[in-house]
Each structure stands twice: as C-alpha cells, then as structure tokens.
Amino acid sequence: MPKTKVLITVKTYPTISGKYDELVCTAGFTEDGKWIRIYPVPFRKKAYEQQYRKYEWIELDLVKNKSDFRPESFRPYSLDSEIKILDHIDTSGNWAKRKEVVLNEVYKNLSELIAQAKNKEICTSLAVFKPTLIKDFIAKEVDREWDKKKIEKLKAQREQGNLFEHPEDPFAVVDKLPYKFTYILEDSEGKESRMMIEDWEIGALFWNLMRKYEGDESKAVADVKKKYFDDFAQTKDLYLFLGTSQVHHYVSHNPFMIIGTFHPKIEKQMKLFQ
C-alpha cells in the first residue's frame, strides 16, 4: 500500500468518544496541497517517536474513512499502523515555508464557506479562514467532568478488549477543560459569528497557566485571553483553521468550529513595485 505524506497543522484537544475511546482529531495538508483529516488516532498511546508535532511531515498508510461522508476524512489502515516522522517546518522567514503550504486557498466570506459545506456535491469540511475583525474572546464555564455514561462504556469496552485496548496501560482519561473558549468575529461581509476554539494549544495553555498560578482559574483564563485576543487577534496576521463535526455538518446553521490558529507576524513593509 502506498504511504501518504501529510503536513500536520491541526491537533484538537482530546475528547471522549463512546465509539473511539479518547479521540484526538488531526488534520493537515497532503503533498498536493489538499486538506486531509485523520481519525481515529489513539495519539497518546502511540510510542513517543510516533507522537508527531504540528508542522511535521509524517508518512503513514491511510484509507478513506468509510464511516464518514466528509471527503477529507481518512483513517490509518490499522490502529497499529506505523507513523514515520519526517521533516519539521520551522517559523523562519516569518513562517515563509509554512505559508507556502497553508495559504493557497483562504476563505474570507463565511456564508460562502458554509454554503460549500452544505452542498453535498462539495461538502467542504476543512478550511483556512481569514476573519476581517476579531471583536471579542469569551470564556464560559462548562461541566467539569466527562459524561459518566461514556466513561462507563469505555471501561466496559476495555474489560472486553476492544481495538484500542493496550493491557499494559492503566485506564486514564485526559482532564476535561472546565471552560469553553469562543471568538466573536466578523467576516469580509461584516457578518458576525461566534465560533468555539477547540485546538490542542488552548487546552494545553490553560493547564500550564493553572500550574503557574497554582490553581487560580481567574488568572489562568485572563492569560488565555491575553494570548488569543490581545496577542493573536490584535498584533498578529491571524488566520483560523476551521473544521466541522460529522454529526453537525448538515444540521447546524454554522457547522464550523476553530480547530487551530495560524499567526505569523504582520508584514510591516510592503515591497514596492511588486
């Protein structure tokens, strides 16, 4: 089977899935510049050398995920498929090499993108979006525990031995984020939207700040806002990686959520006579 090369640009914060155990959705670009989503990947159970970072080219055996109608969705050929990590693209030249891959197709009109998602002939479910304005960043407190029914189901599956079973691993679940983070933004038509941020970095940032501030949530949340609103939205050339969830793709008014950010510095000098 020919292997597929993918530049990883998205890792979402782990969620608990009744079907797939602890689920990290990853996405990126193939060598021909097309978006691709890879799941399920039992990411935290992979050997350390197979735990890829963002902006690493990886190589693995992929097949279409037939349980998912979205055209970009693929899965590893098997759960034991080896993931080979190749090169890492750094941020030199103000993210120059990353821009070559990421910024080939950028949406600015959200209604246009949503229409493409709802069109069953196109069914776009991953995109790069450039907001015209980030108006605010909201942190809303949510349930602090995972759904107990899902956890019990996972425990039962482990006892029976399912595809994700690794007998040497204790049953461990990633901490649930006690806040839902949201951007309020405008697109090129001035349309206002509220979009949830589901990327790995925002979760990791929150927990790192909780350790720094010895559990003071108000300080941690304030610093998350500083990073995502005061820094990314005000001082960087901010693009958003958007993705849909399979269950909400056709039924939600706006099925997209923010699954990553792309934030090089603003180019201050315009080249003359370009």
Protein backbone atom coordinates (compact mmCIF):
# COMPACT_ATOMS: atom_id res chain seq x y z
CA MET A 1 0.00 0.00 0.00
CA PRO A 2 1.44 3.42 -0.96
CA LYS A 3 2.07 5.62 2.04
CA THR A 4 0.62 9.13 2.31
CA LYS A 5 2.67 12.16 3.36
CA VAL A 6 0.83 14.73 5.47
CA LEU A 7 1.94 18.04 6.96
CA ILE A 8 0.17 18.14 10.33
CA THR A 9 -1.29 21.58 11.05
CA VAL A 10 -4.16 20.71 13.43
CA LYS A 11 -4.43 18.70 16.64
CA THR A 12 -7.66 19.15 18.56
CA TYR A 13 -7.96 18.90 22.33
CA PRO A 14 -8.79 15.27 23.22
CA THR A 15 -12.47 14.41 23.63
CA ILE A 16 -14.15 11.27 24.89
CA SER A 17 -15.97 9.31 22.23
CA GLY A 18 -18.25 6.37 23.01
CA LYS A 19 -17.15 4.80 19.74
CA TYR A 20 -13.46 5.69 19.53
CA ASP A 21 -12.22 5.94 23.14
CA GLU A 22 -10.17 9.08 23.77
CA LEU A 23 -10.09 10.85 20.43
CA VAL A 24 -7.63 13.35 19.02
CA CYS A 25 -8.61 14.61 15.59
CA THR A 26 -5.63 15.60 13.49
CA ALA A 27 -5.62 17.32 10.13
CA GLY A 28 -3.19 18.79 7.69
CA PHE A 29 -2.20 19.03 4.05
CA THR A 30 -1.11 16.38 1.59
CA GLU A 31 1.79 16.94 -0.80
CA ASP A 32 -0.61 18.24 -3.46
CA GLY A 33 -1.92 20.92 -1.07
CA LYS A 34 -5.26 19.31 -0.21
CA TRP A 35 -6.75 19.19 3.29
CA ILE A 36 -6.95 15.78 4.96
CA ARG A 37 -8.43 14.71 8.30
CA ILE A 38 -7.00 11.64 10.08
CA TYR A 39 -9.02 9.82 12.72
CA PRO A 40 -9.23 7.81 14.81
CA VAL A 41 -5.65 8.05 16.06
CA PRO A 42 -5.03 6.81 19.64
CA PHE A 43 -2.43 9.56 19.80
CA ARG A 44 -1.40 9.45 23.44
CA LYS A 45 -0.94 5.68 23.26
CA LYS A 46 1.49 5.91 20.37
CA ALA A 47 5.17 5.39 21.11
CA TYR A 48 6.91 8.70 21.82
CA GLU A 49 8.76 8.68 18.50
CA GLN A 50 5.40 8.44 16.70
CA GLN A 51 3.79 11.32 18.61
CA TYR A 52 4.05 13.92 15.87
CA ARG A 53 4.10 17.66 16.46
CA LYS A 54 2.38 20.33 14.43
CA TYR A 55 4.18 21.31 11.22
CA GLU A 56 5.87 17.95 10.92
CA TRP A 57 5.59 15.96 7.72
CA ILE A 58 4.54 12.44 8.61
CA GLU A 59 4.12 9.33 6.49
CA LEU A 60 1.62 6.55 7.13
CA ASP A 61 -0.80 4.10 5.49
CA LEU A 62 -4.18 5.82 5.08
CA VAL A 63 -7.52 4.67 3.68
CA LYS A 64 -10.81 6.56 3.29
CA ASN A 65 -12.83 6.56 6.50
CA LYS A 66 -16.00 4.98 5.10
CA SER A 67 -17.99 5.74 8.23
CA ASP A 68 -17.59 9.47 7.48
CA PHE A 69 -19.22 11.16 4.46
CA ARG A 70 -16.86 14.14 4.59
CA PRO A 71 -14.44 13.85 1.64
CA GLU A 72 -11.36 14.88 3.63
CA SER A 73 -11.77 12.15 6.27
CA PHE A 74 -9.28 9.26 6.24
CA ARG A 75 -8.10 6.78 8.84
CA PRO A 76 -4.94 4.76 9.46
CA TYR A 77 -5.08 1.41 7.64
CA SER A 78 -4.89 -0.23 11.06
CA LEU A 79 -4.60 1.05 14.60
CA ASP A 80 -1.08 -0.37 14.72
CA SER A 81 -0.05 1.43 11.53
CA GLU A 82 3.40 2.90 11.97
CA ILE A 83 3.67 6.66 11.77
CA LYS A 84 7.00 7.80 10.36
CA ILE A 85 8.01 11.35 11.28
CA LEU A 86 9.92 13.16 8.54
CA ASP A 87 10.87 16.87 8.45
CA HIS A 88 9.72 19.69 10.69
CA ILE A 89 8.94 23.10 9.12
CA ASP A 90 10.13 25.92 11.37
CA THR A 91 8.98 29.56 11.57
CA SER A 92 12.00 31.13 9.86
CA GLY A 93 11.34 33.98 7.43
CA ASN A 94 8.11 34.84 9.27
CA TRP A 95 6.68 31.37 8.63
CA ALA A 96 7.60 31.51 4.93
CA LYS A 97 7.65 27.74 4.24
CA ARG A 98 4.51 27.16 6.30
CA LYS A 99 2.71 29.87 4.31
CA GLU A 100 3.62 28.11 1.06
CA VAL A 101 1.56 25.10 2.16
CA VAL A 102 -1.18 26.67 4.27
CA LEU A 103 -2.26 29.86 2.48
CA ASN A 104 -3.07 28.59 -1.02
CA GLU A 105 -6.83 28.78 -0.50
CA VAL A 106 -8.13 31.25 2.08
CA TYR A 107 -11.81 32.00 2.68
CA LYS A 108 -12.94 35.44 3.84
CA ASN A 109 -16.70 35.11 3.36
CA LEU A 110 -18.16 32.72 5.93
CA SER A 111 -21.55 32.38 4.24
CA GLU A 112 -19.81 31.22 1.06
CA LEU A 113 -17.84 28.61 3.01
CA ILE A 114 -20.93 27.35 4.86
CA ALA A 115 -22.79 27.04 1.54
CA GLN A 116 -19.96 24.86 0.22
CA ALA A 117 -20.17 22.69 3.35
CA LYS A 118 -23.93 22.20 2.92
CA ASN A 119 -23.62 21.45 -0.81
CA LYS A 120 -23.46 17.64 -0.92
CA GLU A 121 -21.55 17.76 -4.19
CA ILE A 122 -18.71 19.68 -2.48
CA CYS A 123 -19.15 19.06 1.27
CA THR A 124 -16.18 21.17 2.39
CA SER A 125 -15.36 20.34 6.00
CA LEU A 126 -11.88 21.82 6.48
CA ALA A 127 -10.76 25.31 5.51
CA VAL A 128 -8.44 28.24 6.17
CA PHE A 129 -10.44 31.36 7.09
CA LYS A 130 -9.24 34.95 7.44
CA PRO A 131 -11.52 36.98 9.73
CA THR A 132 -11.80 40.68 9.00
CA LEU A 133 -12.17 41.50 12.69
CA ILE A 134 -11.97 39.64 15.99
CA LYS A 135 -14.42 41.53 18.21
CA ASP A 136 -14.07 39.60 21.46
CA PHE A 137 -12.91 36.44 23.19
CA ILE A 138 -15.29 34.74 25.62
CA ALA A 139 -14.50 32.12 28.28
CA LYS A 140 -17.63 30.36 29.56
CA GLU A 141 -17.61 27.87 32.41
CA VAL A 142 -18.93 24.41 31.46
CA ASP A 143 -19.25 20.95 33.03
CA ARG A 144 -16.03 19.90 34.71
CA GLU A 145 -16.44 16.17 34.30
CA TRP A 146 -16.77 13.94 31.28
CA ASP A 147 -20.11 12.25 30.62
CA LYS A 148 -20.24 9.38 33.14
CA LYS A 149 -22.14 7.12 30.73
CA LYS A 150 -19.38 7.47 28.14
CA ILE A 151 -16.70 6.75 30.73
CA GLU A 152 -18.54 3.64 31.95
CA LYS A 153 -18.93 2.48 28.36
CA LEU A 154 -15.20 2.90 27.76
CA LYS A 155 -14.35 0.96 30.90
CA ALA A 156 -16.65 -1.86 29.81
CA GLN A 157 -15.09 -1.92 26.35
CA ARG A 158 -11.63 -2.12 27.85
CA GLU A 159 -12.63 -5.02 30.04
CA GLN A 160 -13.99 -6.83 26.99
CA GLY A 161 -10.91 -5.94 24.97
CA ASN A 162 -11.60 -3.52 22.13
CA LEU A 163 -9.49 -2.27 19.25
CA PHE A 164 -7.85 0.38 21.35
CA GLU A 165 -7.03 -1.94 24.23
CA HIS A 166 -3.46 -1.87 25.44
CA PRO A 167 -3.48 -4.14 28.50
CA GLU A 168 -0.33 -2.58 29.90
CA ASP A 169 -1.96 0.86 30.04
CA PRO A 170 -3.99 1.90 33.09
CA PHE A 171 -7.37 3.44 32.35
CA ALA A 172 -6.64 7.16 32.18
CA VAL A 173 -8.66 9.98 30.75
CA VAL A 174 -7.35 13.40 29.79
CA ASP A 175 -8.60 16.23 32.02
CA LYS A 176 -11.72 17.91 30.71
CA LEU A 177 -11.44 21.64 30.11
CA PRO A 178 -13.78 23.45 32.53
CA TYR A 179 -14.20 26.36 30.10
CA LYS A 180 -15.44 26.76 26.54
CA PHE A 181 -13.45 29.38 24.65
CA THR A 182 -15.08 31.36 21.82
CA TYR A 183 -14.14 34.08 19.35
CA ILE A 184 -16.73 36.65 18.28
CA LEU A 185 -15.65 37.66 14.79
CA GLU A 186 -16.69 39.33 11.56
CA ASP A 187 -16.07 38.13 8.01
CA SER A 188 -15.48 40.17 4.85
CA GLU A 189 -19.22 40.91 4.56
CA GLY A 190 -19.45 42.18 8.13
CA LYS A 191 -21.34 39.06 9.22
CA GLU A 192 -20.85 38.41 12.94
CA SER A 193 -20.31 34.85 14.20
CA ARG A 194 -19.46 33.16 17.48
CA MET A 195 -17.06 30.29 16.93
CA MET A 196 -15.74 27.83 19.51
CA ILE A 197 -11.98 27.23 19.72
CA GLU A 198 -11.18 23.52 20.02
CA ASP A 199 -7.45 23.35 19.35
CA TRP A 200 -4.91 21.46 21.45
CA GLU A 201 -2.89 24.59 22.22
CA ILE A 202 -5.65 26.43 24.02
CA GLY A 203 -6.23 23.45 26.32
CA ALA A 204 -2.53 22.97 26.97
CA LEU A 205 -2.11 26.70 27.60
CA PHE A 206 -4.93 26.70 30.16
CA TRP A 207 -3.47 23.77 32.15
CA ASN A 208 0.06 25.22 32.02
CA LEU A 209 -1.26 28.51 33.40
CA MET A 210 -3.20 26.66 36.10
CA ARG A 211 0.08 25.14 37.25
CA LYS A 212 1.82 28.52 37.06
CA TYR A 213 -0.88 30.22 39.12
CA GLU A 214 -1.33 27.26 41.50
CA GLY A 215 -4.93 26.62 40.50
CA ASP A 216 -6.16 30.22 40.25
CA GLU A 217 -8.64 29.88 37.38
CA SER A 218 -9.36 33.59 37.01
CA LYS A 219 -5.68 34.34 36.40
CA ALA A 220 -5.33 31.38 34.00
CA VAL A 221 -8.39 32.44 31.96
CA ALA A 222 -7.19 36.07 31.87
CA ASP A 223 -3.85 34.97 30.43
CA VAL A 224 -5.52 32.70 27.86
CA LYS A 225 -7.47 35.77 26.71
CA LYS A 226 -4.26 37.81 26.59
CA LYS A 227 -2.70 35.26 24.25
CA TYR A 228 -5.70 34.68 21.96
CA PHE A 229 -7.20 38.19 21.94
CA ASP A 230 -4.55 40.74 22.91
CA ASP A 231 -1.73 38.95 21.06
CA PHE A 232 -3.07 36.79 18.21
CA ALA A 233 -6.08 38.95 17.29
CA GLN A 234 -4.50 42.37 17.74
CA THR A 235 -0.82 42.06 16.86
CA LYS A 236 -0.57 39.04 14.52
CA ASP A 237 -1.68 38.27 10.96
CA LEU A 238 -4.31 35.82 12.21
CA TYR A 239 -5.84 33.02 10.14
CA LEU A 240 -8.14 30.33 11.55
CA PHE A 241 -8.24 26.64 10.69
CA LEU A 242 -11.91 25.64 10.60
CA GLY A 243 -13.45 22.18 10.68
CA THR A 244 -16.90 20.64 11.00
CA SER A 245 -18.03 17.79 13.23
CA GLN A 246 -19.66 14.93 11.38
CA VAL A 247 -22.84 14.99 13.48
CA HIS A 248 -23.46 18.72 13.00
CA HIS A 249 -22.19 19.11 9.44
CA TYR A 250 -25.56 19.34 7.65
CA VAL A 251 -27.81 20.41 10.52
CA SER A 252 -26.07 23.36 12.21
CA HIS A 253 -26.57 26.87 10.90
CA ASN A 254 -22.78 27.23 11.05
CA PRO A 255 -21.21 23.75 11.35
CA PHE A 256 -17.63 25.05 11.63
CA MET A 257 -15.52 25.38 14.76
CA ILE A 258 -11.99 26.74 15.14
CA ILE A 259 -9.56 23.84 15.28
CA GLY A 260 -6.35 25.81 15.06
CA THR A 261 -4.74 29.20 14.54
CA PHE A 262 -2.10 30.38 12.10
CA HIS A 263 -0.49 33.57 13.35
CA PRO A 264 2.68 34.88 11.69
CA LYS A 265 3.73 38.46 12.38
CA ILE A 266 2.10 41.24 10.38
CA GLU A 267 4.35 42.13 7.46
CA LYS A 268 5.09 45.78 8.16
CA GLN A 269 6.97 46.60 4.99
CA MET A 270 5.19 46.37 1.68
CA LYS A 271 7.54 45.61 -1.19
CA LEU A 272 7.49 48.44 -3.71
CA PHE A 273 6.85 47.81 -7.41
CA GLN A 274 5.62 44.26 -6.77
